[in-house]
Amino acid sequence: MRRLIAQLARFGIVGAVGFVVDLTVFNALRATVLSPEEVHSGPFWAKVCSTIVAIFVNWMGNRYWTFRHQRRSVAAKEGVEFVVVSLGGMAISLGCLGISHYALGFTSALADNISGNVIGLVLGTAFRFWLYKVWVYHPDRVAREGEATDGAVADTVDDRTVTR
């Protein structure tokens, strides 16, 4: 249980860094080149761009810190799965932003931030952590991949995969 709590804390710290990146890029784009006064769908595209940058930052943090003992030997495959899950989280944030901004008419910068970067973030974070834990970085997948690539026997010990 302590390991899960520690992993959740690391996930939260990585997520906080990603959140700052996402929030900064989103607001910089929304206030400049993708302002709703200039581009009608500007907030939507600002969120897409900011989330893509944050996905990369989060993958690096989660791969090399949060799930470092569970990362896979094939980074590209892991990266693709991480991006797929992250895009699901992005869809949740975009859905919240879209409903608030376009369906309900709450078009201020504050409303866009609350819907996309608070409500969407909370819902998307729960979705992402669960899928990272049970799919992307699942210890059994790491062990199977290790056996398939080098014929070694891999054991999962205290949330870490040890190859012998």
N, C-alpha and C. Protein backbone atom coordinates (compact mmCIF):
# COMPACT_ATOMS: atom_id res chain seq x y z
N MET A 1 0.82 -1.20 0.00
CA MET A 1 0.00 0.00 0.00
C MET A 1 0.87 1.26 0.00
N ARG A 2 1.97 1.23 0.78
CA ARG A 2 2.86 2.40 0.81
C ARG A 2 3.45 2.69 -0.56
N ARG A 3 3.77 1.64 -1.30
CA ARG A 3 4.34 1.83 -2.63
C ARG A 3 3.32 2.48 -3.57
N LEU A 4 2.07 2.07 -3.45
CA LEU A 4 1.03 2.68 -4.28
C LEU A 4 0.88 4.16 -3.94
N ILE A 5 0.89 4.49 -2.66
CA ILE A 5 0.78 5.89 -2.23
C ILE A 5 1.97 6.69 -2.73
N ALA A 6 3.17 6.12 -2.63
CA ALA A 6 4.37 6.81 -3.13
C ALA A 6 4.28 7.00 -4.64
N GLN A 7 3.78 6.00 -5.33
CA GLN A 7 3.63 6.10 -6.78
C GLN A 7 2.58 7.16 -7.14
N LEU A 8 1.49 7.19 -6.39
CA LEU A 8 0.48 8.23 -6.62
C LEU A 8 1.06 9.62 -6.37
N ALA A 9 1.91 9.76 -5.35
CA ALA A 9 2.54 11.06 -5.06
C ALA A 9 3.46 11.47 -6.20
N ARG A 10 4.27 10.53 -6.71
CA ARG A 10 5.15 10.85 -7.84
C ARG A 10 4.32 11.21 -9.07
N PHE A 11 3.25 10.46 -9.30
CA PHE A 11 2.35 10.75 -10.42
C PHE A 11 1.77 12.15 -10.27
N GLY A 12 1.40 12.52 -9.06
CA GLY A 12 0.86 13.85 -8.80
C GLY A 12 1.87 14.96 -9.05
N ILE A 13 3.12 14.73 -8.65
CA ILE A 13 4.17 15.73 -8.88
C ILE A 13 4.44 15.89 -10.37
N VAL A 14 4.57 14.77 -11.07
CA VAL A 14 4.77 14.83 -12.53
C VAL A 14 3.56 15.53 -13.17
N GLY A 15 2.38 15.18 -12.71
CA GLY A 15 1.18 15.81 -13.24
C GLY A 15 1.13 17.30 -12.96
N ALA A 16 1.62 17.71 -11.78
CA ALA A 16 1.64 19.14 -11.44
C ALA A 16 2.57 19.90 -12.39
N VAL A 17 3.72 19.31 -12.68
CA VAL A 17 4.64 19.94 -13.63
C VAL A 17 3.98 20.02 -15.01
N GLY A 18 3.35 18.92 -15.43
CA GLY A 18 2.64 18.92 -16.70
C GLY A 18 1.50 19.93 -16.72
N PHE A 19 0.82 20.07 -15.58
CA PHE A 19 -0.26 21.05 -15.47
C PHE A 19 0.26 22.47 -15.67
N VAL A 20 1.39 22.79 -15.04
CA VAL A 20 1.97 24.13 -15.19
C VAL A 20 2.34 24.37 -16.66
N VAL A 21 2.93 23.37 -17.29
CA VAL A 21 3.28 23.49 -18.71
C VAL A 21 2.01 23.69 -19.54
N ASP A 22 1.00 22.85 -19.31
CA ASP A 22 -0.26 22.92 -20.04
C ASP A 22 -0.92 24.29 -19.84
N LEU A 23 -1.03 24.72 -18.60
CA LEU A 23 -1.67 25.99 -18.28
C LEU A 23 -0.94 27.17 -18.91
N THR A 24 0.38 27.15 -18.84
CA THR A 24 1.19 28.24 -19.39
C THR A 24 1.05 28.31 -20.90
N VAL A 25 1.20 27.18 -21.57
CA VAL A 25 1.10 27.16 -23.03
C VAL A 25 -0.32 27.53 -23.47
N PHE A 26 -1.33 26.96 -22.79
CA PHE A 26 -2.73 27.26 -23.14
C PHE A 26 -3.01 28.76 -23.06
N ASN A 27 -2.66 29.36 -21.93
CA ASN A 27 -2.97 30.77 -21.74
C ASN A 27 -2.14 31.67 -22.65
N ALA A 28 -0.90 31.29 -22.91
CA ALA A 28 -0.07 32.08 -23.83
C ALA A 28 -0.66 32.05 -25.24
N LEU A 29 -1.08 30.89 -25.68
CA LEU A 29 -1.68 30.78 -27.02
C LEU A 29 -3.05 31.46 -27.07
N ARG A 30 -3.86 31.26 -26.03
CA ARG A 30 -5.20 31.86 -25.99
C ARG A 30 -5.13 33.39 -25.97
N ALA A 31 -4.10 33.92 -25.37
CA ALA A 31 -3.96 35.38 -25.27
C ALA A 31 -3.30 36.00 -26.51
N THR A 32 -2.71 35.16 -27.36
CA THR A 32 -1.98 35.71 -28.51
C THR A 32 -2.54 35.16 -29.82
N VAL A 33 -1.84 34.24 -30.43
CA VAL A 33 -2.16 33.78 -31.78
C VAL A 33 -3.47 33.01 -31.89
N LEU A 34 -3.96 32.44 -30.77
CA LEU A 34 -5.21 31.69 -30.82
C LEU A 34 -6.30 32.33 -29.95
N SER A 35 -6.25 33.63 -29.87
CA SER A 35 -7.26 34.37 -29.11
C SER A 35 -8.62 34.18 -29.77
N PRO A 36 -9.71 34.04 -28.98
CA PRO A 36 -11.03 33.84 -29.57
C PRO A 36 -11.49 35.03 -30.42
N GLU A 37 -10.91 36.20 -30.18
CA GLU A 37 -11.24 37.36 -31.00
C GLU A 37 -10.63 37.24 -32.40
N GLU A 38 -9.53 36.53 -32.49
CA GLU A 38 -8.83 36.35 -33.78
C GLU A 38 -9.25 35.05 -34.47
N VAL A 39 -9.38 33.99 -33.70
CA VAL A 39 -9.70 32.66 -34.23
C VAL A 39 -10.87 32.13 -33.41
N HIS A 40 -12.02 31.94 -34.04
CA HIS A 40 -13.21 31.51 -33.31
C HIS A 40 -12.95 30.25 -32.47
N SER A 41 -12.28 29.28 -33.05
CA SER A 41 -12.01 28.03 -32.32
C SER A 41 -10.64 28.07 -31.63
N GLY A 42 -10.12 29.27 -31.41
CA GLY A 42 -8.81 29.43 -30.79
C GLY A 42 -8.62 28.73 -29.47
N PRO A 43 -9.57 28.84 -28.50
CA PRO A 43 -9.38 28.15 -27.22
C PRO A 43 -9.27 26.63 -27.38
N PHE A 44 -10.05 26.08 -28.30
CA PHE A 44 -9.98 24.64 -28.57
C PHE A 44 -8.58 24.25 -29.05
N TRP A 45 -8.07 24.97 -30.05
CA TRP A 45 -6.75 24.64 -30.61
C TRP A 45 -5.62 24.96 -29.64
N ALA A 46 -5.81 25.98 -28.81
CA ALA A 46 -4.82 26.27 -27.77
C ALA A 46 -4.73 25.10 -26.80
N LYS A 47 -5.88 24.52 -26.47
CA LYS A 47 -5.91 23.37 -25.55
C LYS A 47 -5.27 22.15 -26.19
N VAL A 48 -5.53 21.94 -27.47
CA VAL A 48 -4.91 20.81 -28.17
C VAL A 48 -3.38 20.95 -28.13
N CYS A 49 -2.88 22.12 -28.49
CA CYS A 49 -1.42 22.36 -28.51
C CYS A 49 -0.81 22.23 -27.12
N SER A 50 -1.44 22.84 -26.13
CA SER A 50 -0.88 22.79 -24.78
C SER A 50 -0.88 21.37 -24.23
N THR A 51 -1.90 20.61 -24.55
CA THR A 51 -1.97 19.23 -24.06
C THR A 51 -0.91 18.36 -24.72
N ILE A 52 -0.65 18.57 -25.98
CA ILE A 52 0.39 17.79 -26.67
C ILE A 52 1.76 18.04 -26.03
N VAL A 53 2.07 19.29 -25.73
CA VAL A 53 3.33 19.60 -25.06
C VAL A 53 3.37 18.95 -23.68
N ALA A 54 2.27 19.05 -22.93
CA ALA A 54 2.21 18.46 -21.59
C ALA A 54 2.30 16.94 -21.64
N ILE A 55 1.74 16.30 -22.66
CA ILE A 55 1.83 14.84 -22.79
C ILE A 55 3.30 14.42 -22.87
N PHE A 56 4.09 15.12 -23.65
CA PHE A 56 5.51 14.78 -23.76
C PHE A 56 6.22 14.94 -22.41
N VAL A 57 5.97 16.05 -21.74
CA VAL A 57 6.58 16.29 -20.42
C VAL A 57 6.16 15.20 -19.44
N ASN A 58 4.89 14.86 -19.43
CA ASN A 58 4.39 13.83 -18.52
C ASN A 58 4.95 12.45 -18.83
N TRP A 59 5.09 12.14 -20.11
CA TRP A 59 5.64 10.82 -20.45
C TRP A 59 7.07 10.69 -19.92
N MET A 60 7.86 11.72 -20.14
CA MET A 60 9.24 11.68 -19.64
C MET A 60 9.26 11.50 -18.11
N GLY A 61 8.46 12.28 -17.40
CA GLY A 61 8.43 12.19 -15.94
C GLY A 61 7.92 10.84 -15.46
N ASN A 62 6.87 10.34 -16.08
CA ASN A 62 6.32 9.06 -15.65
C ASN A 62 7.22 7.89 -16.04
N ARG A 63 7.81 7.96 -17.21
CA ARG A 63 8.70 6.88 -17.66
C ARG A 63 9.95 6.78 -16.79
N TYR A 64 10.54 7.91 -16.48
CA TYR A 64 11.83 7.89 -15.78
C TYR A 64 11.72 8.10 -14.28
N TRP A 65 10.50 8.35 -13.75
CA TRP A 65 10.39 8.53 -12.30
C TRP A 65 9.23 7.75 -11.72
N THR A 66 7.99 8.10 -12.07
CA THR A 66 6.82 7.46 -11.46
C THR A 66 6.81 5.95 -11.66
N PHE A 67 6.96 5.51 -12.89
CA PHE A 67 6.89 4.09 -13.23
C PHE A 67 8.25 3.56 -13.67
N ARG A 68 9.33 4.10 -13.13
CA ARG A 68 10.68 3.75 -13.60
C ARG A 68 10.99 2.26 -13.47
N HIS A 69 10.42 1.59 -12.47
CA HIS A 69 10.68 0.16 -12.30
C HIS A 69 9.75 -0.69 -13.15
N GLN A 70 8.81 -0.05 -13.80
CA GLN A 70 7.85 -0.78 -14.60
C GLN A 70 7.91 -0.37 -16.07
N ARG A 71 8.85 0.50 -16.42
CA ARG A 71 8.89 0.94 -17.81
C ARG A 71 9.33 -0.21 -18.69
N ARG A 72 8.94 -0.12 -19.92
CA ARG A 72 9.18 -1.21 -20.85
C ARG A 72 10.48 -1.00 -21.61
N SER A 73 11.03 -2.07 -22.11
CA SER A 73 12.29 -1.98 -22.83
C SER A 73 12.13 -1.30 -24.19
N VAL A 74 10.95 -1.40 -24.75
CA VAL A 74 10.70 -0.78 -26.05
C VAL A 74 9.99 0.56 -25.79
N ALA A 75 10.77 1.62 -25.77
CA ALA A 75 10.24 2.94 -25.44
C ALA A 75 9.18 3.40 -26.45
N ALA A 76 9.37 3.09 -27.71
CA ALA A 76 8.43 3.55 -28.74
C ALA A 76 7.04 2.96 -28.52
N LYS A 77 6.99 1.67 -28.22
CA LYS A 77 5.70 1.01 -27.98
C LYS A 77 5.04 1.60 -26.74
N GLU A 78 5.81 1.76 -25.68
CA GLU A 78 5.30 2.37 -24.46
C GLU A 78 4.83 3.79 -24.73
N GLY A 79 5.62 4.53 -25.51
CA GLY A 79 5.27 5.91 -25.83
C GLY A 79 3.96 6.01 -26.60
N VAL A 80 3.76 5.11 -27.54
CA VAL A 80 2.52 5.11 -28.32
C VAL A 80 1.32 4.84 -27.40
N GLU A 81 1.46 3.85 -26.52
CA GLU A 81 0.38 3.54 -25.59
C GLU A 81 0.13 4.71 -24.63
N PHE A 82 1.20 5.34 -24.16
CA PHE A 82 1.08 6.48 -23.27
C PHE A 82 0.32 7.61 -23.97
N VAL A 83 0.66 7.86 -25.24
CA VAL A 83 0.00 8.92 -26.00
C VAL A 83 -1.48 8.59 -26.21
N VAL A 84 -1.79 7.33 -26.51
CA VAL A 84 -3.18 6.93 -26.71
C VAL A 84 -4.00 7.22 -25.45
N VAL A 85 -3.47 6.81 -24.29
CA VAL A 85 -4.18 7.06 -23.03
C VAL A 85 -4.27 8.57 -22.78
N SER A 86 -3.18 9.28 -23.03
CA SER A 86 -3.16 10.73 -22.81
C SER A 86 -4.15 11.45 -23.72
N LEU A 87 -4.29 10.97 -24.95
CA LEU A 87 -5.27 11.57 -25.87
C LEU A 87 -6.69 11.35 -25.34
N GLY A 88 -6.92 10.21 -24.68
CA GLY A 88 -8.21 9.99 -24.03
C GLY A 88 -8.44 11.03 -22.94
N GLY A 89 -7.40 11.30 -22.15
CA GLY A 89 -7.49 12.35 -21.14
C GLY A 89 -7.71 13.71 -21.77
N MET A 90 -7.05 13.96 -22.90
CA MET A 90 -7.23 15.22 -23.61
C MET A 90 -8.67 15.35 -24.10
N ALA A 91 -9.25 14.27 -24.59
CA ALA A 91 -10.63 14.29 -25.06
C ALA A 91 -11.58 14.66 -23.92
N ILE A 92 -11.29 14.17 -22.73
CA ILE A 92 -12.11 14.53 -21.58
C ILE A 92 -12.02 16.02 -21.30
N SER A 93 -10.79 16.57 -21.28
CA SER A 93 -10.61 18.02 -21.06
C SER A 93 -11.26 18.84 -22.16
N LEU A 94 -11.07 18.42 -23.40
CA LEU A 94 -11.68 19.15 -24.52
C LEU A 94 -13.20 19.08 -24.47
N GLY A 95 -13.73 17.95 -24.03
CA GLY A 95 -15.18 17.82 -23.89
C GLY A 95 -15.71 18.81 -22.85
N CYS A 96 -15.01 18.91 -21.72
CA CYS A 96 -15.42 19.87 -20.68
C CYS A 96 -15.32 21.30 -21.20
N LEU A 97 -14.22 21.62 -21.89
CA LEU A 97 -14.05 22.96 -22.45
C LEU A 97 -15.11 23.24 -23.52
N GLY A 98 -15.34 22.29 -24.38
CA GLY A 98 -16.32 22.47 -25.45
C GLY A 98 -17.73 22.70 -24.92
N ILE A 99 -18.12 21.93 -23.94
CA ILE A 99 -19.46 22.10 -23.35
C ILE A 99 -19.58 23.49 -22.73
N SER A 100 -18.56 23.86 -21.94
CA SER A 100 -18.61 25.15 -21.26
C SER A 100 -18.57 26.33 -22.23
N HIS A 101 -17.59 26.30 -23.14
CA HIS A 101 -17.35 27.45 -24.02
C HIS A 101 -18.40 27.56 -25.13
N TYR A 102 -18.64 26.44 -25.82
CA TYR A 102 -19.47 26.49 -27.01
C TYR A 102 -20.94 26.16 -26.76
N ALA A 103 -21.23 25.23 -25.87
CA ALA A 103 -22.63 24.86 -25.62
C ALA A 103 -23.28 25.76 -24.57
N LEU A 104 -22.55 26.07 -23.50
CA LEU A 104 -23.14 26.88 -22.43
C LEU A 104 -22.84 28.37 -22.57
N GLY A 105 -21.89 28.72 -23.42
CA GLY A 105 -21.59 30.12 -23.68
C GLY A 105 -20.72 30.82 -22.64
N PHE A 106 -20.03 30.04 -21.79
CA PHE A 106 -19.10 30.63 -20.82
C PHE A 106 -17.77 30.83 -21.53
N THR A 107 -17.52 32.04 -22.05
CA THR A 107 -16.40 32.25 -22.96
C THR A 107 -15.24 33.05 -22.37
N SER A 108 -15.28 33.37 -21.11
CA SER A 108 -14.17 34.13 -20.52
C SER A 108 -12.95 33.23 -20.34
N ALA A 109 -11.80 33.84 -20.18
CA ALA A 109 -10.57 33.07 -19.94
C ALA A 109 -10.71 32.27 -18.64
N LEU A 110 -11.34 32.84 -17.62
CA LEU A 110 -11.53 32.13 -16.35
C LEU A 110 -12.40 30.89 -16.55
N ALA A 111 -13.51 31.05 -17.27
CA ALA A 111 -14.39 29.90 -17.53
C ALA A 111 -13.68 28.82 -18.34
N ASP A 112 -12.89 29.24 -19.34
CA ASP A 112 -12.14 28.26 -20.14
C ASP A 112 -11.13 27.51 -19.27
N ASN A 113 -10.49 28.20 -18.36
CA ASN A 113 -9.52 27.56 -17.48
C ASN A 113 -10.19 26.62 -16.48
N ILE A 114 -11.32 27.03 -15.94
CA ILE A 114 -12.02 26.16 -14.98
C ILE A 114 -12.52 24.90 -15.66
N SER A 115 -13.13 25.05 -16.82
CA SER A 115 -13.68 23.87 -17.50
C SER A 115 -12.61 22.96 -18.06
N GLY A 116 -11.62 23.52 -18.74
CA GLY A 116 -10.60 22.68 -19.39
C GLY A 116 -9.46 22.29 -18.49
N ASN A 117 -9.06 23.19 -17.58
CA ASN A 117 -7.86 22.96 -16.77
C ASN A 117 -8.13 22.59 -15.32
N VAL A 118 -9.38 22.60 -14.90
CA VAL A 118 -9.70 22.14 -13.54
C VAL A 118 -10.61 20.92 -13.63
N ILE A 119 -11.83 21.11 -14.12
CA ILE A 119 -12.77 19.99 -14.20
C ILE A 119 -12.24 18.91 -15.14
N GLY A 120 -11.82 19.32 -16.33
CA GLY A 120 -11.28 18.36 -17.29
C GLY A 120 -10.03 17.66 -16.78
N LEU A 121 -9.21 18.41 -16.07
CA LEU A 121 -7.97 17.84 -15.52
C LEU A 121 -8.26 16.78 -14.47
N VAL A 122 -9.17 17.04 -13.56
CA VAL A 122 -9.50 16.07 -12.51
C VAL A 122 -10.04 14.78 -13.12
N LEU A 123 -10.99 14.91 -14.01
CA LEU A 123 -11.57 13.72 -14.64
C LEU A 123 -10.55 12.99 -15.50
N GLY A 124 -9.78 13.73 -16.28
CA GLY A 124 -8.76 13.13 -17.14
C GLY A 124 -7.64 12.47 -16.36
N THR A 125 -7.27 13.04 -15.22
CA THR A 125 -6.19 12.48 -14.41
C THR A 125 -6.58 11.12 -13.85
N ALA A 126 -7.78 11.00 -13.34
CA ALA A 126 -8.24 9.71 -12.82
C ALA A 126 -8.24 8.66 -13.93
N PHE A 127 -8.74 9.04 -15.09
CA PHE A 127 -8.77 8.15 -16.26
C PHE A 127 -7.35 7.71 -16.64
N ARG A 128 -6.41 8.67 -16.74
CA ARG A 128 -5.05 8.36 -17.16
C ARG A 128 -4.32 7.49 -16.15
N PHE A 129 -4.37 7.83 -14.86
CA PHE A 129 -3.64 7.04 -13.87
C PHE A 129 -4.10 5.59 -13.91
N TRP A 130 -5.38 5.39 -13.96
CA TRP A 130 -5.91 4.03 -13.98
C TRP A 130 -5.38 3.25 -15.19
N LEU A 131 -5.43 3.85 -16.39
CA LEU A 131 -4.97 3.13 -17.58
C LEU A 131 -3.44 3.00 -17.63
N TYR A 132 -2.70 3.97 -17.12
CA TYR A 132 -1.25 3.82 -17.05
C TYR A 132 -0.92 2.63 -16.15
N LYS A 133 -1.60 2.56 -15.02
CA LYS A 133 -1.32 1.51 -14.02
C LYS A 133 -1.70 0.12 -14.54
N VAL A 134 -2.86 -0.02 -15.16
CA VAL A 134 -3.34 -1.35 -15.55
C VAL A 134 -2.98 -1.75 -16.98
N TRP A 135 -2.49 -0.80 -17.78
CA TRP A 135 -2.19 -1.15 -19.17
C TRP A 135 -0.76 -0.77 -19.56
N VAL A 136 -0.45 0.49 -19.61
CA VAL A 136 0.84 0.94 -20.14
C VAL A 136 2.01 0.41 -19.31
N TYR A 137 1.94 0.56 -17.98
CA TYR A 137 3.06 0.19 -17.11
C TYR A 137 2.74 -1.02 -16.22
N HIS A 138 1.81 -1.84 -16.62
CA HIS A 138 1.43 -2.99 -15.79
C HIS A 138 2.63 -3.94 -15.64
N PRO A 139 2.95 -4.34 -14.41
CA PRO A 139 4.14 -5.19 -14.18
C PRO A 139 4.13 -6.50 -14.98
N ASP A 140 2.96 -7.11 -15.16
CA ASP A 140 2.91 -8.37 -15.91
C ASP A 140 3.30 -8.17 -17.37
N ARG A 141 2.93 -7.03 -17.95
CA ARG A 141 3.30 -6.75 -19.34
C ARG A 141 4.80 -6.53 -19.44
N VAL A 142 5.37 -5.85 -18.46
CA VAL A 142 6.81 -5.62 -18.45
C VAL A 142 7.54 -6.95 -18.37
N ALA A 143 7.07 -7.83 -17.48
CA ALA A 143 7.71 -9.13 -17.31
C ALA A 143 7.60 -9.97 -18.58
N ARG A 144 6.42 -10.01 -19.19
CA ARG A 144 6.24 -10.79 -20.42
C ARG A 144 7.12 -10.26 -21.54
N GLU A 145 7.21 -8.93 -21.64
CA GLU A 145 8.03 -8.32 -22.69
C GLU A 145 9.50 -8.66 -22.47
N GLY A 146 9.95 -8.64 -21.22
CA GLY A 146 11.34 -8.98 -20.90
C GLY A 146 11.66 -10.42 -21.27
N GLU A 147 10.73 -11.33 -20.98
CA GLU A 147 10.94 -12.74 -21.33
C GLU A 147 10.96 -12.93 -22.84
N ALA A 148 10.11 -12.19 -23.53
CA ALA A 148 10.02 -12.34 -24.98
C ALA A 148 11.25 -11.78 -25.69
N THR A 149 11.85 -10.72 -25.14
CA THR A 149 12.95 -10.08 -25.85
C THR A 149 14.30 -10.71 -25.58
N ASP A 150 14.53 -11.21 -24.37
CA ASP A 150 15.86 -11.75 -24.10
C ASP A 150 15.86 -13.15 -23.48
N GLY A 151 14.71 -13.73 -23.31
CA GLY A 151 14.64 -15.07 -22.77
C GLY A 151 14.91 -15.14 -21.28
N ALA A 152 15.11 -14.03 -20.63
CA ALA A 152 15.37 -14.02 -19.20
C ALA A 152 14.06 -14.18 -18.44
N VAL A 153 14.19 -14.56 -17.19
CA VAL A 153 13.03 -14.69 -16.32
C VAL A 153 12.90 -13.39 -15.55
N ALA A 154 11.71 -12.81 -15.57
CA ALA A 154 11.49 -11.55 -14.85
C ALA A 154 10.50 -11.78 -13.72
N ASP A 155 10.80 -11.25 -12.57
CA ASP A 155 9.92 -11.33 -11.41
C ASP A 155 9.52 -9.94 -11.00
N THR A 156 8.31 -9.81 -10.48
CA THR A 156 7.87 -8.53 -9.95
C THR A 156 8.02 -8.58 -8.45
N VAL A 157 8.84 -7.68 -7.91
CA VAL A 157 9.11 -7.62 -6.48
C VAL A 157 8.85 -6.19 -6.03
N ASP A 158 7.91 -6.03 -5.10
CA ASP A 158 7.63 -4.70 -4.55
C ASP A 158 7.44 -3.66 -5.64
N ASP A 159 6.58 -3.92 -6.60
CA ASP A 159 6.28 -2.99 -7.70
C ASP A 159 7.48 -2.76 -8.62
N ARG A 160 8.52 -3.56 -8.51
CA ARG A 160 9.68 -3.42 -9.41
C ARG A 160 9.86 -4.73 -10.15
N THR A 161 10.23 -4.64 -11.42
CA THR A 161 10.50 -5.82 -12.19
C THR A 161 12.00 -6.09 -12.15
N VAL A 162 12.33 -7.29 -11.70
CA VAL A 162 13.74 -7.67 -11.58
C VAL A 162 13.98 -8.82 -12.55
N THR A 163 14.95 -8.67 -13.40
CA THR A 163 15.28 -9.71 -14.37
C THR A 163 16.49 -10.47 -13.86
N ARG A 164 16.38 -11.79 -13.90
CA ARG A 164 17.51 -12.61 -13.45
C ARG A 164 17.86 -13.62 -14.51
